[in-house]
N, C-alpha and C. Protein backbone atom coordinates (compact mmCIF):
# COMPACT_ATOMS: atom_id res chain seq x y z
N UNK A 1 -35.02 31.99 -49.12
CA UNK A 1 -35.92 32.62 -48.20
C UNK A 1 -36.18 34.06 -48.66
N UNK A 2 -37.39 34.42 -48.80
CA UNK A 2 -37.76 35.80 -49.20
C UNK A 2 -38.33 36.50 -48.00
N UNK A 3 -37.84 37.70 -47.72
CA UNK A 3 -38.33 38.51 -46.62
C UNK A 3 -39.28 39.57 -47.13
N UNK A 4 -40.40 39.73 -46.43
CA UNK A 4 -41.28 40.84 -46.73
C UNK A 4 -40.70 42.08 -46.10
N UNK A 5 -41.04 43.23 -46.58
CA UNK A 5 -40.45 44.47 -46.06
C UNK A 5 -40.72 44.67 -44.58
N UNK A 6 -41.78 44.12 -44.05
CA UNK A 6 -42.08 44.29 -42.62
C UNK A 6 -41.38 43.26 -41.74
N UNK A 7 -40.75 42.25 -42.35
CA UNK A 7 -40.04 41.22 -41.59
C UNK A 7 -38.59 41.62 -41.37
N UNK A 8 -38.06 41.15 -40.24
CA UNK A 8 -36.65 41.39 -39.97
C UNK A 8 -35.94 40.05 -39.88
N UNK A 9 -34.77 40.02 -40.43
CA UNK A 9 -33.96 38.81 -40.32
C UNK A 9 -33.30 38.79 -38.96
N UNK A 10 -33.59 37.79 -38.16
CA UNK A 10 -33.05 37.69 -36.81
C UNK A 10 -31.83 36.80 -36.85
N UNK A 11 -30.69 37.33 -36.51
CA UNK A 11 -29.45 36.58 -36.43
C UNK A 11 -29.17 36.24 -34.96
N UNK A 12 -28.67 35.07 -34.71
CA UNK A 12 -28.34 34.73 -33.32
C UNK A 12 -27.22 35.63 -32.81
N UNK A 13 -27.31 36.05 -31.56
CA UNK A 13 -26.24 36.83 -31.01
C UNK A 13 -25.07 35.93 -30.68
N UNK A 14 -23.91 36.45 -30.78
CA UNK A 14 -22.71 35.67 -30.48
C UNK A 14 -22.19 36.15 -29.14
N UNK A 15 -22.26 35.32 -28.10
CA UNK A 15 -21.84 35.76 -26.78
C UNK A 15 -20.31 35.94 -26.72
N UNK A 16 -19.90 36.81 -25.83
CA UNK A 16 -18.47 36.99 -25.57
C UNK A 16 -17.97 35.71 -24.95
N UNK A 17 -16.94 35.09 -25.54
CA UNK A 17 -16.50 33.78 -25.01
C UNK A 17 -16.03 33.85 -23.57
N UNK A 18 -15.57 35.00 -23.11
CA UNK A 18 -15.13 35.13 -21.70
C UNK A 18 -16.25 35.67 -20.82
N UNK A 19 -17.38 36.00 -21.39
CA UNK A 19 -18.54 36.55 -20.67
C UNK A 19 -18.15 37.76 -19.84
N UNK A 20 -17.37 38.65 -20.44
CA UNK A 20 -16.95 39.89 -19.76
C UNK A 20 -17.78 41.03 -20.29
N UNK A 21 -18.06 42.02 -19.41
CA UNK A 21 -18.78 43.21 -19.88
C UNK A 21 -17.97 43.95 -20.92
N UNK A 22 -18.60 44.35 -22.03
CA UNK A 22 -17.85 45.08 -23.04
C UNK A 22 -18.77 46.05 -23.80
N UNK A 23 -18.13 47.05 -24.35
CA UNK A 23 -18.76 47.98 -25.26
C UNK A 23 -17.95 47.87 -26.56
N UNK A 24 -18.63 47.84 -27.69
CA UNK A 24 -17.91 47.75 -28.98
C UNK A 24 -18.70 48.49 -30.04
N UNK A 25 -17.99 48.99 -31.02
CA UNK A 25 -18.65 49.71 -32.12
C UNK A 25 -17.76 49.59 -33.37
N UNK A 26 -18.42 49.45 -34.52
CA UNK A 26 -17.73 49.45 -35.80
C UNK A 26 -17.79 50.88 -36.36
N UNK A 27 -16.63 51.37 -36.78
CA UNK A 27 -16.54 52.75 -37.22
C UNK A 27 -15.80 52.81 -38.55
N UNK A 28 -16.03 53.88 -39.32
CA UNK A 28 -15.22 54.08 -40.51
C UNK A 28 -13.78 54.36 -40.08
N UNK A 29 -12.85 53.94 -40.87
CA UNK A 29 -11.42 54.13 -40.56
C UNK A 29 -11.00 55.53 -41.03
N UNK A 30 -11.49 56.56 -40.32
CA UNK A 30 -11.21 57.95 -40.64
C UNK A 30 -10.87 58.69 -39.33
N UNK A 31 -10.21 59.82 -39.42
CA UNK A 31 -9.78 60.57 -38.28
C UNK A 31 -10.94 60.95 -37.37
N UNK A 32 -12.11 61.21 -37.91
CA UNK A 32 -13.27 61.62 -37.11
C UNK A 32 -13.71 60.51 -36.17
N UNK A 33 -13.33 59.30 -36.43
CA UNK A 33 -13.74 58.16 -35.57
C UNK A 33 -12.99 58.16 -34.23
N UNK A 34 -11.89 58.90 -34.14
CA UNK A 34 -11.15 58.97 -32.88
C UNK A 34 -12.06 59.51 -31.78
N UNK A 35 -12.79 60.56 -32.04
CA UNK A 35 -13.70 61.15 -31.05
C UNK A 35 -14.79 60.17 -30.62
N UNK A 36 -15.32 59.45 -31.58
CA UNK A 36 -16.38 58.46 -31.27
C UNK A 36 -15.82 57.33 -30.40
N UNK A 37 -14.61 56.89 -30.70
CA UNK A 37 -13.98 55.85 -29.90
C UNK A 37 -13.73 56.34 -28.46
N UNK A 38 -13.30 57.60 -28.33
CA UNK A 38 -13.10 58.17 -26.98
C UNK A 38 -14.43 58.20 -26.21
N UNK A 39 -15.51 58.57 -26.89
CA UNK A 39 -16.85 58.59 -26.23
C UNK A 39 -17.24 57.19 -25.78
N UNK A 40 -16.96 56.18 -26.57
CA UNK A 40 -17.30 54.82 -26.21
C UNK A 40 -16.56 54.44 -24.90
N UNK A 41 -15.29 54.75 -24.81
CA UNK A 41 -14.49 54.43 -23.63
C UNK A 41 -15.06 55.20 -22.42
N UNK A 42 -15.32 56.47 -22.59
CA UNK A 42 -15.87 57.27 -21.46
C UNK A 42 -17.18 56.69 -20.96
N UNK A 43 -18.04 56.32 -21.89
CA UNK A 43 -19.36 55.77 -21.53
C UNK A 43 -19.18 54.45 -20.75
N UNK A 44 -18.35 53.56 -21.26
CA UNK A 44 -18.11 52.27 -20.61
C UNK A 44 -17.56 52.48 -19.21
N UNK A 45 -16.57 53.32 -19.06
CA UNK A 45 -15.95 53.56 -17.75
C UNK A 45 -16.95 54.18 -16.78
N UNK A 46 -17.80 55.08 -17.28
CA UNK A 46 -18.83 55.69 -16.42
C UNK A 46 -19.81 54.63 -15.93
N UNK A 47 -20.30 53.78 -16.82
CA UNK A 47 -21.24 52.72 -16.43
C UNK A 47 -20.62 51.76 -15.43
N UNK A 48 -19.32 51.45 -15.62
CA UNK A 48 -18.64 50.48 -14.73
C UNK A 48 -18.10 51.13 -13.47
N UNK A 49 -18.23 52.46 -13.32
CA UNK A 49 -17.69 53.12 -12.16
C UNK A 49 -16.19 53.13 -12.11
N UNK A 50 -15.55 53.20 -13.30
CA UNK A 50 -14.11 53.21 -13.41
C UNK A 50 -13.58 54.54 -13.93
N UNK A 51 -14.23 55.63 -13.50
CA UNK A 51 -13.83 56.95 -13.97
C UNK A 51 -12.34 57.24 -13.67
N UNK A 52 -11.76 56.65 -12.65
CA UNK A 52 -10.35 56.87 -12.33
C UNK A 52 -9.41 56.46 -13.48
N UNK A 53 -9.87 55.58 -14.35
CA UNK A 53 -9.06 55.12 -15.47
C UNK A 53 -9.26 55.95 -16.73
N UNK A 54 -10.19 56.93 -16.67
CA UNK A 54 -10.60 57.61 -17.89
C UNK A 54 -9.48 58.32 -18.65
N UNK A 55 -8.66 59.11 -17.97
CA UNK A 55 -7.62 59.87 -18.65
C UNK A 55 -6.69 58.93 -19.43
N UNK A 56 -6.22 57.89 -18.80
CA UNK A 56 -5.27 56.98 -19.46
C UNK A 56 -5.97 56.15 -20.55
N UNK A 57 -7.13 55.58 -20.22
CA UNK A 57 -7.83 54.71 -21.20
C UNK A 57 -8.27 55.47 -22.43
N UNK A 58 -8.74 56.68 -22.26
CA UNK A 58 -9.21 57.49 -23.40
C UNK A 58 -7.99 57.86 -24.27
N UNK A 59 -6.89 58.24 -23.67
CA UNK A 59 -5.70 58.60 -24.46
C UNK A 59 -5.15 57.38 -25.19
N UNK A 60 -5.14 56.24 -24.52
CA UNK A 60 -4.67 55.01 -25.18
C UNK A 60 -5.56 54.65 -26.37
N UNK A 61 -6.86 54.70 -26.19
CA UNK A 61 -7.78 54.40 -27.30
C UNK A 61 -7.56 55.41 -28.43
N UNK A 62 -7.40 56.67 -28.13
CA UNK A 62 -7.13 57.68 -29.16
C UNK A 62 -5.91 57.32 -30.00
N UNK A 63 -4.86 56.92 -29.29
CA UNK A 63 -3.62 56.60 -30.01
C UNK A 63 -3.75 55.33 -30.86
N UNK A 64 -4.47 54.32 -30.34
CA UNK A 64 -4.64 53.09 -31.12
C UNK A 64 -5.49 53.35 -32.38
N UNK A 65 -6.55 54.12 -32.23
CA UNK A 65 -7.38 54.43 -33.42
C UNK A 65 -6.61 55.30 -34.41
N UNK A 66 -5.90 56.27 -33.90
CA UNK A 66 -5.11 57.14 -34.79
C UNK A 66 -4.08 56.30 -35.55
N UNK A 67 -3.44 55.37 -34.86
CA UNK A 67 -2.46 54.52 -35.51
C UNK A 67 -3.11 53.70 -36.63
N UNK A 68 -4.29 53.17 -36.37
CA UNK A 68 -5.00 52.40 -37.39
C UNK A 68 -5.38 53.28 -38.59
N UNK A 69 -5.87 54.48 -38.31
CA UNK A 69 -6.24 55.40 -39.37
C UNK A 69 -5.02 55.77 -40.20
N UNK A 70 -3.93 56.09 -39.55
CA UNK A 70 -2.72 56.55 -40.24
C UNK A 70 -2.04 55.44 -41.05
N UNK A 71 -2.12 54.20 -40.53
CA UNK A 71 -1.34 53.12 -41.17
C UNK A 71 -2.19 52.12 -41.94
N UNK A 72 -3.50 52.12 -41.68
CA UNK A 72 -4.41 51.22 -42.42
C UNK A 72 -5.28 52.07 -43.33
N UNK A 73 -6.05 53.00 -42.73
CA UNK A 73 -6.74 54.05 -43.43
C UNK A 73 -7.80 53.70 -44.47
N UNK A 74 -8.41 52.56 -44.41
CA UNK A 74 -9.49 52.29 -45.36
C UNK A 74 -10.49 51.34 -44.70
N UNK A 75 -11.69 51.30 -45.28
CA UNK A 75 -12.73 50.40 -44.81
C UNK A 75 -13.16 50.75 -43.39
N UNK A 76 -13.34 49.72 -42.55
CA UNK A 76 -13.89 49.90 -41.22
C UNK A 76 -12.90 49.39 -40.17
N UNK A 77 -13.08 49.88 -38.94
CA UNK A 77 -12.37 49.39 -37.80
C UNK A 77 -13.40 49.02 -36.72
N UNK A 78 -13.00 48.17 -35.82
CA UNK A 78 -13.87 47.80 -34.67
C UNK A 78 -13.13 48.24 -33.42
N UNK A 79 -13.80 48.99 -32.56
CA UNK A 79 -13.21 49.43 -31.30
C UNK A 79 -13.95 48.75 -30.17
N UNK A 80 -13.20 48.39 -29.10
CA UNK A 80 -13.78 47.73 -27.97
C UNK A 80 -13.22 48.25 -26.66
N UNK A 81 -14.06 48.25 -25.64
CA UNK A 81 -13.65 48.47 -24.27
C UNK A 81 -14.21 47.28 -23.49
N UNK A 82 -13.33 46.55 -22.81
CA UNK A 82 -13.73 45.35 -22.10
C UNK A 82 -13.29 45.49 -20.65
N UNK A 83 -14.23 45.26 -19.73
CA UNK A 83 -13.87 45.28 -18.32
C UNK A 83 -13.29 43.91 -17.94
N UNK A 84 -12.03 43.90 -17.56
CA UNK A 84 -11.33 42.67 -17.22
C UNK A 84 -11.37 42.36 -15.73
N UNK A 85 -11.60 43.36 -14.92
CA UNK A 85 -11.63 43.15 -13.51
C UNK A 85 -12.12 44.39 -12.79
N UNK A 86 -12.00 44.37 -11.48
CA UNK A 86 -12.54 45.46 -10.65
C UNK A 86 -11.90 46.79 -11.02
N UNK A 87 -10.62 46.79 -11.31
CA UNK A 87 -9.88 48.04 -11.60
C UNK A 87 -9.05 47.89 -12.88
N UNK A 88 -9.56 47.17 -13.87
CA UNK A 88 -8.78 46.90 -15.07
C UNK A 88 -9.72 46.88 -16.30
N UNK A 89 -9.28 47.59 -17.34
CA UNK A 89 -10.06 47.62 -18.58
C UNK A 89 -9.11 47.42 -19.75
N UNK A 90 -9.58 46.77 -20.79
CA UNK A 90 -8.80 46.61 -22.02
C UNK A 90 -9.51 47.40 -23.10
N UNK A 91 -8.72 48.19 -23.85
CA UNK A 91 -9.24 48.87 -25.04
C UNK A 91 -8.55 48.23 -26.23
N UNK A 92 -9.26 48.12 -27.33
CA UNK A 92 -8.71 47.43 -28.50
C UNK A 92 -9.25 48.04 -29.80
N UNK A 93 -8.44 47.94 -30.82
CA UNK A 93 -8.84 48.34 -32.17
C UNK A 93 -8.53 47.18 -33.10
N UNK A 94 -9.50 46.82 -33.90
CA UNK A 94 -9.35 45.72 -34.85
C UNK A 94 -9.48 46.30 -36.25
N UNK A 95 -8.51 45.97 -37.10
CA UNK A 95 -8.63 46.39 -38.50
C UNK A 95 -8.19 45.22 -39.40
N UNK A 96 -8.29 45.40 -40.68
CA UNK A 96 -8.03 44.31 -41.63
C UNK A 96 -6.58 44.27 -42.14
N UNK A 97 -5.76 45.15 -41.61
CA UNK A 97 -4.35 45.14 -42.04
C UNK A 97 -3.59 44.02 -41.33
N UNK A 98 -2.78 43.27 -42.07
CA UNK A 98 -1.99 42.23 -41.43
C UNK A 98 -0.77 42.78 -40.71
N UNK A 99 -0.42 44.03 -41.00
CA UNK A 99 0.80 44.61 -40.44
C UNK A 99 0.56 45.18 -39.06
N UNK A 100 1.34 44.68 -38.11
CA UNK A 100 1.24 45.15 -36.74
C UNK A 100 2.11 46.38 -36.51
N UNK A 101 1.88 47.05 -35.39
CA UNK A 101 2.68 48.22 -35.09
C UNK A 101 4.12 47.81 -34.75
N UNK A 102 5.02 48.74 -34.95
CA UNK A 102 6.42 48.47 -34.60
C UNK A 102 6.65 48.83 -33.16
N UNK A 103 7.72 48.30 -32.59
CA UNK A 103 8.05 48.57 -31.20
C UNK A 103 8.29 50.07 -31.05
N UNK A 104 7.67 50.68 -30.03
CA UNK A 104 7.82 52.13 -29.89
C UNK A 104 9.24 52.52 -29.53
N UNK A 105 9.64 53.66 -30.07
CA UNK A 105 10.96 54.20 -29.74
C UNK A 105 10.77 55.62 -29.22
N UNK A 106 11.75 56.08 -28.52
CA UNK A 106 11.69 57.46 -28.02
C UNK A 106 11.77 58.41 -29.19
N UNK A 107 10.74 59.25 -29.38
CA UNK A 107 10.80 60.20 -30.50
C UNK A 107 11.81 61.30 -30.22
N UNK A 108 12.37 61.87 -31.25
CA UNK A 108 13.26 63.00 -31.13
C UNK A 108 12.41 64.23 -30.69
N UNK A 109 13.04 65.18 -30.01
CA UNK A 109 12.29 66.32 -29.46
C UNK A 109 11.44 67.10 -30.48
N UNK A 110 11.90 67.19 -31.74
CA UNK A 110 11.15 67.98 -32.69
C UNK A 110 10.37 67.13 -33.71
N UNK A 111 10.30 65.83 -33.49
CA UNK A 111 9.48 64.98 -34.37
C UNK A 111 8.02 65.39 -34.27
N UNK A 112 7.34 65.45 -35.39
CA UNK A 112 5.92 65.85 -35.41
C UNK A 112 4.98 64.66 -35.21
N UNK A 113 5.49 63.45 -35.27
CA UNK A 113 4.68 62.27 -35.06
C UNK A 113 5.56 61.20 -34.44
N UNK A 114 4.96 60.05 -34.14
CA UNK A 114 5.75 58.95 -33.63
C UNK A 114 5.67 58.77 -32.13
N UNK A 115 4.77 59.49 -31.47
CA UNK A 115 4.67 59.36 -30.01
C UNK A 115 3.53 58.45 -29.59
N UNK A 116 2.66 58.04 -30.49
CA UNK A 116 1.47 57.28 -30.13
C UNK A 116 1.74 56.01 -29.36
N UNK A 117 2.51 55.10 -29.95
CA UNK A 117 2.77 53.85 -29.27
C UNK A 117 3.70 54.02 -28.10
N UNK A 118 4.54 55.05 -28.12
CA UNK A 118 5.37 55.38 -26.97
C UNK A 118 4.48 55.73 -25.77
N UNK A 119 3.40 56.51 -26.03
CA UNK A 119 2.45 56.87 -24.98
C UNK A 119 1.68 55.61 -24.50
N UNK A 120 1.25 54.80 -25.45
CA UNK A 120 0.53 53.56 -25.10
C UNK A 120 1.40 52.71 -24.19
N UNK A 121 2.67 52.56 -24.55
CA UNK A 121 3.60 51.77 -23.77
C UNK A 121 3.76 52.33 -22.34
N UNK A 122 3.79 53.66 -22.22
CA UNK A 122 3.95 54.30 -20.94
C UNK A 122 2.71 54.20 -20.06
N UNK A 123 1.52 54.28 -20.67
CA UNK A 123 0.28 54.32 -19.89
C UNK A 123 -0.35 52.95 -19.61
N UNK A 124 -0.08 51.98 -20.47
CA UNK A 124 -0.75 50.68 -20.33
C UNK A 124 0.05 49.76 -19.42
N UNK A 125 -0.68 48.95 -18.64
CA UNK A 125 -0.02 47.91 -17.84
C UNK A 125 0.57 46.86 -18.78
N UNK A 126 -0.13 46.57 -19.86
CA UNK A 126 0.31 45.65 -20.88
C UNK A 126 -0.33 46.07 -22.20
N UNK A 127 0.31 45.76 -23.31
CA UNK A 127 -0.31 45.96 -24.62
C UNK A 127 0.33 45.01 -25.60
N UNK A 128 -0.37 44.78 -26.70
CA UNK A 128 0.16 43.88 -27.70
C UNK A 128 -0.71 43.82 -28.93
N UNK A 129 -0.31 42.90 -29.81
CA UNK A 129 -1.01 42.72 -31.09
C UNK A 129 -1.37 41.26 -31.22
N UNK A 130 -2.58 40.99 -31.60
CA UNK A 130 -3.03 39.62 -31.87
C UNK A 130 -3.34 39.53 -33.36
N UNK A 131 -2.62 38.68 -34.02
CA UNK A 131 -2.88 38.48 -35.47
C UNK A 131 -4.13 37.64 -35.63
N UNK A 132 -4.90 38.00 -36.65
CA UNK A 132 -6.13 37.29 -36.95
C UNK A 132 -6.02 36.84 -38.42
N UNK A 133 -6.89 35.93 -38.78
CA UNK A 133 -6.90 35.42 -40.17
C UNK A 133 -7.06 36.55 -41.18
N UNK A 134 -7.82 37.56 -40.84
CA UNK A 134 -8.14 38.62 -41.76
C UNK A 134 -7.63 39.98 -41.36
N UNK A 135 -6.75 40.05 -40.36
CA UNK A 135 -6.22 41.36 -39.93
C UNK A 135 -5.51 41.23 -38.60
N UNK A 136 -5.76 42.21 -37.73
CA UNK A 136 -5.11 42.19 -36.43
C UNK A 136 -5.95 42.93 -35.40
N UNK A 137 -5.66 42.67 -34.13
CA UNK A 137 -6.26 43.38 -33.00
C UNK A 137 -5.11 43.92 -32.16
N UNK A 138 -5.10 45.23 -32.00
CA UNK A 138 -4.09 45.87 -31.13
C UNK A 138 -4.84 46.28 -29.87
N UNK A 139 -4.33 45.80 -28.73
CA UNK A 139 -5.02 46.00 -27.46
C UNK A 139 -4.08 46.57 -26.42
N UNK A 140 -4.67 47.16 -25.39
CA UNK A 140 -3.89 47.67 -24.26
C UNK A 140 -4.75 47.58 -23.02
N UNK A 141 -4.15 47.18 -21.92
CA UNK A 141 -4.83 47.11 -20.65
C UNK A 141 -4.39 48.26 -19.78
N UNK A 142 -5.40 48.94 -19.22
CA UNK A 142 -5.18 50.08 -18.35
C UNK A 142 -5.74 49.70 -16.97
N UNK A 143 -5.01 50.03 -15.96
CA UNK A 143 -5.39 49.65 -14.60
C UNK A 143 -5.05 50.78 -13.65
N UNK A 144 -5.56 50.66 -12.41
CA UNK A 144 -5.20 51.66 -11.40
C UNK A 144 -3.73 51.41 -10.99
N UNK A 145 -3.16 52.44 -10.44
CA UNK A 145 -1.76 52.36 -9.99
C UNK A 145 -1.59 51.27 -8.94
N UNK A 146 -2.60 51.08 -8.07
CA UNK A 146 -2.49 50.06 -7.02
C UNK A 146 -2.41 48.68 -7.62
N UNK A 147 -3.26 48.38 -8.60
CA UNK A 147 -3.27 47.03 -9.20
C UNK A 147 -2.00 46.82 -10.06
N UNK A 148 -1.56 47.89 -10.74
CA UNK A 148 -0.40 47.77 -11.60
C UNK A 148 0.87 47.44 -10.79
N UNK A 149 0.92 47.88 -9.54
CA UNK A 149 2.10 47.65 -8.70
C UNK A 149 2.12 46.29 -8.08
N UNK A 150 1.05 45.54 -8.19
CA UNK A 150 0.98 44.19 -7.54
C UNK A 150 1.75 43.18 -8.33
């Protein structure tokens, strides 16, 4: 098939299998992408009226992207914010590294790094890693205090 310069190749859209509202973006795996990922989360939460989750969800996304940049650091990453319920959102980072994050440990007082997943663990209702054929997805669910206590 030959396309003329004025023609566009139309690809079928792939619906979300769970039909949940989501925002997603593919970004370069560089430190500057942390700010873009935070903006994506802020925008999604604003549209969904979930501003109460902003501080936690934005910090969690920052830590997940930073972890991917620091430990994968090449090619592209995919970031997502998915509304799971009335007061619950999932943020996720997908990269091509097969290596998942290690279980967070309490950092020593003067450590200059190592707090990212410790913060994710403290702020998220749940978090985990899903292995994929070509990499992994690290996700975290953030919810209101009322829903987390149920």
